[in-house]
Amino acid sequence: MAQITYTLCALTALLCAGLLLRAYARTRFRLLLWSGLCFVGLTLNNLLLVLDRLVFPDVDLGLARLLVALASVLLLVVGMILEHDA
């Protein structure tokens, strides 16, 4: 069951990233770009989770997952700050 859950989370984040980036390509609304980049990072985070839990159970990728999640959320926060100033 965990395999299905982790995979669906990664696919959902990838779908969100794709939709956000496609909307940015049409409208050029920069907050969509920042949100899309955040979801690209969250997709990578979910892929690292799949690798950590299912592919390499003996290797701890927890720190890498946390750093990717932090970078993703920081991208979104920076984007919101930059858009608020504009």
PDB file of N, CA and C in Angstrom:
ATOM      1  N   MET A   1       0.809  -1.194   0.000  1.00  0.00           N
ATOM      2  CA  MET A   1       0.000   0.000   0.000  1.00  0.00           C
ATOM      3  C   MET A   1       0.858   1.266   0.000  1.00  0.00           C
ATOM      4  N   ALA A   2       1.994   1.222   0.691  1.00  0.00           N
ATOM      5  CA  ALA A   2       2.880   2.385   0.755  1.00  0.00           C
ATOM      6  C   ALA A   2       3.416   2.731  -0.631  1.00  0.00           C
ATOM      7  N   GLN A   3       3.699   1.710  -1.435  1.00  0.00           N
ATOM      8  CA  GLN A   3       4.213   1.951  -2.788  1.00  0.00           C
ATOM      9  C   GLN A   3       3.220   2.755  -3.608  1.00  0.00           C
ATOM     10  N   ILE A   4       1.960   2.398  -3.515  1.00  0.00           N
ATOM     11  CA  ILE A   4       0.925   3.098  -4.273  1.00  0.00           C
ATOM     12  C   ILE A   4       0.793   4.538  -3.783  1.00  0.00           C
ATOM     13  N   THR A   5       0.799   4.720  -2.462  1.00  0.00           N
ATOM     14  CA  THR A   5       0.651   6.056  -1.893  1.00  0.00           C
ATOM     15  C   THR A   5       1.803   6.963  -2.301  1.00  0.00           C
ATOM     16  N   TYR A   6       3.045   6.494  -2.157  1.00  0.00           N
ATOM     17  CA  TYR A   6       4.212   7.304  -2.516  1.00  0.00           C
ATOM     18  C   TYR A   6       4.202   7.647  -4.005  1.00  0.00           C
ATOM     19  N   THR A   7       3.861   6.676  -4.812  1.00  0.00           N
ATOM     20  CA  THR A   7       3.840   6.901  -6.262  1.00  0.00           C
ATOM     21  C   THR A   7       2.744   7.897  -6.647  1.00  0.00           C
ATOM     22  N   LEU A   8       1.561   7.754  -6.064  1.00  0.00           N
ATOM     23  CA  LEU A   8       0.480   8.693  -6.359  1.00  0.00           C
ATOM     24  C   LEU A   8       0.820  10.111  -5.901  1.00  0.00           C
ATOM     25  N   CYS A   9       1.501  10.237  -4.784  1.00  0.00           N
ATOM     26  CA  CYS A   9       1.921  11.574  -4.323  1.00  0.00           C
ATOM     27  C   CYS A   9       2.901  12.199  -5.310  1.00  0.00           C
ATOM     28  N   ALA A  10       3.852  11.419  -5.798  1.00  0.00           N
ATOM     29  CA  ALA A  10       4.815  11.938  -6.765  1.00  0.00           C
ATOM     30  C   ALA A  10       4.124  12.322  -8.069  1.00  0.00           C
ATOM     31  N   LEU A  11       3.214  11.496  -8.533  1.00  0.00           N
ATOM     32  CA  LEU A  11       2.498  11.797  -9.771  1.00  0.00           C
ATOM     33  C   LEU A  11       1.594  13.020  -9.622  1.00  0.00           C
ATOM     34  N   THR A  12       0.982  13.175  -8.463  1.00  0.00           N
ATOM     35  CA  THR A  12       0.128  14.338  -8.225  1.00  0.00           C
ATOM     36  C   THR A  12       0.951  15.621  -8.217  1.00  0.00           C
ATOM     37  N   ALA A  13       2.099  15.597  -7.562  1.00  0.00           N
ATOM     38  CA  ALA A  13       2.969  16.780  -7.543  1.00  0.00           C
ATOM     39  C   ALA A  13       3.468  17.097  -8.943  1.00  0.00           C
ATOM     40  N   LEU A  14       3.786  16.066  -9.722  1.00  0.00           N
ATOM     41  CA  LEU A  14       4.231  16.278 -11.101  1.00  0.00           C
ATOM     42  C   LEU A  14       3.117  16.882 -11.948  1.00  0.00           C
ATOM     43  N   LEU A  15       1.903  16.396 -11.776  1.00  0.00           N
ATOM     44  CA  LEU A  15       0.761  16.944 -12.508  1.00  0.00           C
ATOM     45  C   LEU A  15       0.527  18.412 -12.138  1.00  0.00           C
ATOM     46  N   CYS A  16       0.593  18.720 -10.851  1.00  0.00           N
ATOM     47  CA  CYS A  16       0.430  20.114 -10.418  1.00  0.00           C
ATOM     48  C   CYS A  16       1.511  20.999 -11.010  1.00  0.00           C
ATOM     49  N   ALA A  17       2.761  20.523 -11.002  1.00  0.00           N
ATOM     50  CA  ALA A  17       3.857  21.305 -11.577  1.00  0.00           C
ATOM     51  C   ALA A  17       3.620  21.544 -13.060  1.00  0.00           C
ATOM     52  N   GLY A  18       3.220  20.514 -13.766  1.00  0.00           N
ATOM     53  CA  GLY A  18       2.962  20.659 -15.191  1.00  0.00           C
ATOM     54  C   GLY A  18       1.844  21.648 -15.493  1.00  0.00           C
ATOM     55  N   LEU A  19       0.761  21.556 -14.734  1.00  0.00           N
ATOM     56  CA  LEU A  19      -0.359  22.472 -14.950  1.00  0.00           C
ATOM     57  C   LEU A  19       0.016  23.912 -14.623  1.00  0.00           C
ATOM     58  N   LEU A  20       0.751  24.111 -13.539  1.00  0.00           N
ATOM     59  CA  LEU A  20       1.156  25.460 -13.167  1.00  0.00           C
ATOM     60  C   LEU A  20       2.112  26.065 -14.191  1.00  0.00           C
ATOM     61  N   LEU A  21       3.077  25.275 -14.639  1.00  0.00           N
ATOM     62  CA  LEU A  21       4.040  25.788 -15.619  1.00  0.00           C
ATOM     63  C   LEU A  21       3.384  26.018 -16.979  1.00  0.00           C
ATOM     64  N   ARG A  22       2.419  25.195 -17.328  1.00  0.00           N
ATOM     65  CA  ARG A  22       1.695  25.409 -18.584  1.00  0.00           C
ATOM     66  C   ARG A  22       0.862  26.693 -18.518  1.00  0.00           C
ATOM     67  N   ALA A  23       0.245  26.923 -17.360  1.00  0.00           N
ATOM     68  CA  ALA A  23      -0.518  28.163 -17.184  1.00  0.00           C
ATOM     69  C   ALA A  23       0.410  29.369 -17.227  1.00  0.00           C
ATOM     70  N   TYR A  24       1.616  29.226 -16.664  1.00  0.00           N
ATOM     71  CA  TYR A  24       2.580  30.328 -16.737  1.00  0.00           C
ATOM     72  C   TYR A  24       2.980  30.602 -18.180  1.00  0.00           C
ATOM     73  N   ALA A  25       3.171  29.561 -18.960  1.00  0.00           N
ATOM     74  CA  ALA A  25       3.563  29.743 -20.366  1.00  0.00           C
ATOM     75  C   ALA A  25       2.490  30.489 -21.152  1.00  0.00           C
ATOM     76  N   ARG A  26       1.232  30.309 -20.776  1.00  0.00           N
ATOM     77  CA  ARG A  26       0.138  31.007 -21.459  1.00  0.00           C
ATOM     78  C   ARG A  26      -0.045  32.442 -20.980  1.00  0.00           C
ATOM     79  N   THR A  27       0.043  32.657 -19.671  1.00  0.00           N
ATOM     80  CA  THR A  27      -0.339  33.960 -19.113  1.00  0.00           C
ATOM     81  C   THR A  27       0.849  34.843 -18.735  1.00  0.00           C
ATOM     82  N   ARG A  28       2.013  34.242 -18.523  1.00  0.00           N
ATOM     83  CA  ARG A  28       3.212  34.955 -18.048  1.00  0.00           C
ATOM     84  C   ARG A  28       2.983  35.620 -16.687  1.00  0.00           C
ATOM     85  N   PHE A  29       2.086  35.071 -15.890  1.00  0.00           N
ATOM     86  CA  PHE A  29       1.876  35.524 -14.518  1.00  0.00           C
ATOM     87  C   PHE A  29       2.942  34.859 -13.660  1.00  0.00           C
ATOM     88  N   ARG A  30       3.881  35.655 -13.143  1.00  0.00           N
ATOM     89  CA  ARG A  30       5.095  35.102 -12.548  1.00  0.00           C
ATOM     90  C   ARG A  30       4.866  34.258 -11.300  1.00  0.00           C
ATOM     91  N   LEU A  31       3.797  34.511 -10.569  1.00  0.00           N
ATOM     92  CA  LEU A  31       3.537  33.687  -9.391  1.00  0.00           C
ATOM     93  C   LEU A  31       3.268  32.233  -9.788  1.00  0.00           C
ATOM     94  N   LEU A  32       2.711  32.028 -10.965  1.00  0.00           N
ATOM     95  CA  LEU A  32       2.529  30.658 -11.471  1.00  0.00           C
ATOM     96  C   LEU A  32       3.871  29.984 -11.705  1.00  0.00           C
ATOM     97  N   LEU A  33       4.858  30.751 -12.165  1.00  0.00           N
ATOM     98  CA  LEU A  33       6.204  30.192 -12.363  1.00  0.00           C
ATOM     99  C   LEU A  33       6.797  29.754 -11.036  1.00  0.00           C
ATOM    100  N   TRP A  34       6.722  30.611 -10.033  1.00  0.00           N
ATOM    101  CA  TRP A  34       7.276  30.266  -8.724  1.00  0.00           C
ATOM    102  C   TRP A  34       6.564  29.054  -8.126  1.00  0.00           C
ATOM    103  N   SER A  35       5.262  29.014  -8.278  1.00  0.00           N
ATOM    104  CA  SER A  35       4.498  27.872  -7.760  1.00  0.00           C
ATOM    105  C   SER A  35       4.851  26.595  -8.508  1.00  0.00           C
ATOM    106  N   GLY A  36       4.989  26.703  -9.823  1.00  0.00           N
ATOM    107  CA  GLY A  36       5.369  25.535 -10.617  1.00  0.00           C
ATOM    108  C   GLY A  36       6.741  25.013 -10.242  1.00  0.00           C
ATOM    109  N   LEU A  37       7.687  25.924 -10.023  1.00  0.00           N
ATOM    110  CA  LEU A  37       9.031  25.505  -9.611  1.00  0.00           C
ATOM    111  C   LEU A  37       9.003  24.862  -8.232  1.00  0.00           C
ATOM    112  N   CYS A  38       8.159  25.377  -7.352  1.00  0.00           N
ATOM    113  CA  CYS A  38       8.001  24.752  -6.039  1.00  0.00           C
ATOM    114  C   CYS A  38       7.507  23.318  -6.183  1.00  0.00           C
ATOM    115  N   PHE A  39       6.530  23.115  -7.048  1.00  0.00           N
ATOM    116  CA  PHE A  39       5.997  21.763  -7.230  1.00  0.00           C
ATOM    117  C   PHE A  39       6.970  20.845  -7.961  1.00  0.00           C
ATOM    118  N   VAL A  40       7.839  21.394  -8.784  1.00  0.00           N
ATOM    119  CA  VAL A  40       8.911  20.571  -9.373  1.00  0.00           C
ATOM    120  C   VAL A  40       9.799  20.045  -8.248  1.00  0.00           C
ATOM    121  N   GLY A  41      10.138  20.919  -7.317  1.00  0.00           N
ATOM    122  CA  GLY A  41      10.930  20.485  -6.167  1.00  0.00           C
ATOM    123  C   GLY A  41      10.196  19.483  -5.292  1.00  0.00           C
ATOM    124  N   LEU A  42       8.898  19.692  -5.103  1.00  0.00           N
ATOM    125  CA  LEU A  42       8.127  18.737  -4.308  1.00  0.00           C
ATOM    126  C   LEU A  42       8.012  17.389  -5.013  1.00  0.00           C
ATOM    127  N   THR A  43       7.980  17.415  -6.345  1.00  0.00           N
ATOM    128  CA  THR A  43       8.002  16.159  -7.093  1.00  0.00           C
ATOM    129  C   THR A  43       9.322  15.428  -6.852  1.00  0.00           C
ATOM    130  N   LEU A  44      10.415  16.181  -6.909  1.00  0.00           N
ATOM    131  CA  LEU A  44      11.725  15.590  -6.633  1.00  0.00           C
ATOM    132  C   LEU A  44      11.775  15.051  -5.207  1.00  0.00           C
ATOM    133  N   ASN A  45      11.182  15.775  -4.284  1.00  0.00           N
ATOM    134  CA  ASN A  45      11.114  15.319  -2.901  1.00  0.00           C
ATOM    135  C   ASN A  45      10.363  13.989  -2.792  1.00  0.00           C
ATOM    136  N   ASN A  46       9.252  13.876  -3.492  1.00  0.00           N
ATOM    137  CA  ASN A  46       8.482  12.628  -3.471  1.00  0.00           C
ATOM    138  C   ASN A  46       9.230  11.495  -4.151  1.00  0.00           C
ATOM    139  N   LEU A  47       9.974  11.802  -5.203  1.00  0.00           N
ATOM    140  CA  LEU A  47      10.779  10.762  -5.850  1.00  0.00           C
ATOM    141  C   LEU A  47      11.888  10.287  -4.913  1.00  0.00           C
ATOM    142  N   LEU A  48      12.482  11.215  -4.173  1.00  0.00           N
ATOM    143  CA  LEU A  48      13.483  10.809  -3.187  1.00  0.00           C
ATOM    144  C   LEU A  48      12.857   9.947  -2.093  1.00  0.00           C
ATOM    145  N   LEU A  49      11.621  10.237  -1.745  1.00  0.00           N
ATOM    146  CA  LEU A  49      10.920   9.408  -0.760  1.00  0.00           C
ATOM    147  C   LEU A  49      10.734   7.982  -1.276  1.00  0.00           C
ATOM    148  N   VAL A  50      10.349   7.862  -2.537  1.00  0.00           N
ATOM    149  CA  VAL A  50      10.200   6.531  -3.142  1.00  0.00           C
ATOM    150  C   VAL A  50      11.543   5.803  -3.129  1.00  0.00           C
ATOM    151  N   LEU A  51      12.601   6.511  -3.515  1.00  0.00           N
ATOM    152  CA  LEU A  51      13.929   5.889  -3.509  1.00  0.00           C
ATOM    153  C   LEU A  51      14.343   5.507  -2.091  1.00  0.00           C
ATOM    154  N   ASP A  52      14.072   6.386  -1.135  1.00  0.00           N
ATOM    155  CA  ASP A  52      14.476   6.157   0.247  1.00  0.00           C
ATOM    156  C   ASP A  52      13.751   4.971   0.865  1.00  0.00           C
ATOM    157  N   ARG A  53      12.451   4.905   0.666  1.00  0.00           N
ATOM    158  CA  ARG A  53      11.655   3.875   1.343  1.00  0.00           C
ATOM    159  C   ARG A  53      11.568   2.551   0.582  1.00  0.00           C
ATOM    160  N   LEU A  54      11.567   2.625  -0.747  1.00  0.00           N
ATOM    161  CA  LEU A  54      11.283   1.412  -1.514  1.00  0.00           C
ATOM    162  C   LEU A  54      12.492   0.843  -2.249  1.00  0.00           C
ATOM    163  N   VAL A  55      13.301   1.696  -2.852  1.00  0.00           N
ATOM    164  CA  VAL A  55      14.405   1.208  -3.674  1.00  0.00           C
ATOM    165  C   VAL A  55      15.649   0.950  -2.833  1.00  0.00           C
ATOM    166  N   PHE A  56      16.001   1.908  -1.975  1.00  0.00           N
ATOM    167  CA  PHE A  56      17.192   1.792  -1.128  1.00  0.00           C
ATOM    168  C   PHE A  56      16.808   1.892   0.343  1.00  0.00           C
ATOM    169  N   PRO A  57      16.174   0.872   0.898  1.00  0.00           N
ATOM    170  CA  PRO A  57      15.706   0.974   2.289  1.00  0.00           C
ATOM    171  C   PRO A  57      16.843   1.058   3.310  1.00  0.00           C
ATOM    172  N   ASP A  58      18.052   0.631   2.930  1.00  0.00           N
ATOM    173  CA  ASP A  58      19.179   0.665   3.865  1.00  0.00           C
ATOM    174  C   ASP A  58      19.895   2.011   3.878  1.00  0.00           C
ATOM    175  N   VAL A  59      19.599   2.857   2.911  1.00  0.00           N
ATOM    176  CA  VAL A  59      20.246   4.165   2.809  1.00  0.00           C
ATOM    177  C   VAL A  59      19.275   5.224   3.317  1.00  0.00           C
ATOM    178  N   ASP A  60      19.776   6.121   4.164  1.00  0.00           N
ATOM    179  CA  ASP A  60      18.932   7.189   4.700  1.00  0.00           C
ATOM    180  C   ASP A  60      19.054   8.433   3.825  1.00  0.00           C
ATOM    181  N   LEU A  61      17.985   8.741   3.109  1.00  0.00           N
ATOM    182  CA  LEU A  61      17.932   9.938   2.273  1.00  0.00           C
ATOM    183  C   LEU A  61      17.104  11.041   2.923  1.00  0.00           C
ATOM    184  N   GLY A  62      16.905  10.927   4.221  1.00  0.00           N
ATOM    185  CA  GLY A  62      16.061  11.878   4.938  1.00  0.00           C
ATOM    186  C   GLY A  62      16.574  13.309   4.850  1.00  0.00           C
ATOM    187  N   LEU A  63      17.877  13.510   5.014  1.00  0.00           N
ATOM    188  CA  LEU A  63      18.435  14.854   4.950  1.00  0.00           C
ATOM    189  C   LEU A  63      18.278  15.442   3.551  1.00  0.00           C
ATOM    190  N   ALA A  64      18.522  14.640   2.530  1.00  0.00           N
ATOM    191  CA  ALA A  64      18.355  15.112   1.155  1.00  0.00           C
ATOM    192  C   ALA A  64      16.903  15.493   0.895  1.00  0.00           C
ATOM    193  N   ARG A  65      15.972  14.687   1.378  1.00  0.00           N
ATOM    194  CA  ARG A  65      14.547  14.993   1.203  1.00  0.00           C
ATOM    195  C   ARG A  65      14.179  16.300   1.890  1.00  0.00           C
ATOM    196  N   LEU A  66      14.671  16.491   3.095  1.00  0.00           N
ATOM    197  CA  LEU A  66      14.361  17.719   3.824  1.00  0.00           C
ATOM    198  C   LEU A  66      14.958  18.947   3.137  1.00  0.00           C
ATOM    199  N   LEU A  67      16.168  18.826   2.614  1.00  0.00           N
ATOM    200  CA  LEU A  67      16.800  19.957   1.934  1.00  0.00           C
ATOM    201  C   LEU A  67      16.067  20.309   0.646  1.00  0.00           C
ATOM    202  N   VAL A  68      15.628  19.302  -0.081  1.00  0.00           N
ATOM    203  CA  VAL A  68      14.868  19.561  -1.314  1.00  0.00           C
ATOM    204  C   VAL A  68      13.526  20.209  -0.979  1.00  0.00           C
ATOM    205  N   ALA A  69      12.862  19.731   0.054  1.00  0.00           N
ATOM    206  CA  ALA A  69      11.581  20.328   0.467  1.00  0.00           C
ATOM    207  C   ALA A  69      11.788  21.772   0.926  1.00  0.00           C
ATOM    208  N   LEU A  70      12.848  22.014   1.671  1.00  0.00           N
ATOM    209  CA  LEU A  70      13.137  23.375   2.124  1.00  0.00           C
ATOM    210  C   LEU A  70      13.402  24.300   0.943  1.00  0.00           C
ATOM    211  N   ALA A  71      14.205  23.851  -0.005  1.00  0.00           N
ATOM    212  CA  ALA A  71      14.491  24.670  -1.190  1.00  0.00           C
ATOM    213  C   ALA A  71      13.218  24.945  -1.984  1.00  0.00           C
ATOM    214  N   SER A  72      12.355  23.969  -2.076  1.00  0.00           N
ATOM    215  CA  SER A  72      11.101  24.137  -2.821  1.00  0.00           C
ATOM    216  C   SER A  72      10.208  25.191  -2.179  1.00  0.00           C
ATOM    217  N   VAL A  73      10.049  25.094  -0.889  1.00  0.00           N
ATOM    218  CA  VAL A  73       9.186  26.050  -0.195  1.00  0.00           C
ATOM    219  C   VAL A  73       9.828  27.436  -0.191  1.00  0.00           C
ATOM    220  N   LEU A  74      11.153  27.500  -0.077  1.00  0.00           N
ATOM    221  CA  LEU A  74      11.829  28.789  -0.146  1.00  0.00           C
ATOM    222  C   LEU A  74      11.630  29.455  -1.503  1.00  0.00           C
ATOM    223  N   LEU A  75      11.627  28.659  -2.567  1.00  0.00           N
ATOM    224  CA  LEU A  75      11.339  29.211  -3.893  1.00  0.00           C
ATOM    225  C   LEU A  75       9.973  29.885  -3.916  1.00  0.00           C
ATOM    226  N   LEU A  76       9.004  29.229  -3.351  1.00  0.00           N
ATOM    227  CA  LEU A  76       7.655  29.795  -3.327  1.00  0.00           C
ATOM    228  C   LEU A  76       7.597  31.053  -2.472  1.00  0.00           C
ATOM    229  N   VAL A  77       8.255  31.039  -1.320  1.00  0.00           N
ATOM    230  CA  VAL A  77       8.259  32.210  -0.442  1.00  0.00           C
ATOM    231  C   VAL A  77       8.952  33.384  -1.123  1.00  0.00           C
ATOM    232  N   VAL A  78      10.099  33.131  -1.742  1.00  0.00           N
ATOM    233  CA  VAL A  78      10.814  34.194  -2.461  1.00  0.00           C
ATOM    234  C   VAL A  78       9.944  34.739  -3.585  1.00  0.00           C
ATOM    235  N   GLY A  79       9.290  33.861  -4.309  1.00  0.00           N
ATOM    236  CA  GLY A  79       8.397  34.302  -5.376  1.00  0.00           C
ATOM    237  C   GLY A  79       7.271  35.175  -4.869  1.00  0.00           C
ATOM    238  N   MET A  80       6.698  34.799  -3.737  1.00  0.00           N
ATOM    239  CA  MET A  80       5.615  35.607  -3.167  1.00  0.00           C
ATOM    240  C   MET A  80       6.123  36.971  -2.718  1.00  0.00           C
ATOM    241  N   ILE A  81       7.313  37.004  -2.138  1.00  0.00           N
ATOM    242  CA  ILE A  81       7.884  38.275  -1.712  1.00  0.00           C
ATOM    243  C   ILE A  81       8.172  39.160  -2.913  1.00  0.00           C
ATOM    244  N   LEU A  82       8.768  38.596  -3.950  1.00  0.00           N
ATOM    245  CA  LEU A  82       9.093  39.377  -5.133  1.00  0.00           C
ATOM    246  C   LEU A  82       7.826  39.885  -5.830  1.00  0.00           C
ATOM    247  N   GLU A  83       6.798  39.061  -5.851  1.00  0.00           N
ATOM    248  CA  GLU A  83       5.555  39.481  -6.486  1.00  0.00           C
ATOM    249  C   GLU A  83       4.814  40.522  -5.657  1.00  0.00           C
ATOM    250  N   HIS A  84       4.969  40.464  -4.350  1.00  0.00           N
ATOM    251  CA  HIS A  84       4.322  41.455  -3.498  1.00  0.00           C
ATOM    252  C   HIS A  84       4.961  42.825  -3.699  1.00  0.00           C
ATOM    253  N   ASP A  85       6.274  42.855  -3.911  1.00  0.00           N
ATOM    254  CA  ASP A  85       6.993  44.107  -4.124  1.00  0.00           C
ATOM    255  C   ASP A  85       6.729  44.713  -5.497  1.00  0.00           C
ATOM    256  N   ALA A  86       6.385  43.879  -6.469  1.00  0.00           N
ATOM    257  CA  ALA A  86       6.210  44.370  -7.836  1.00  0.00           C
ATOM    258  C   ALA A  86       4.933  45.141  -8.031  1.00  0.00           C
TER     259      ALA A  86
END
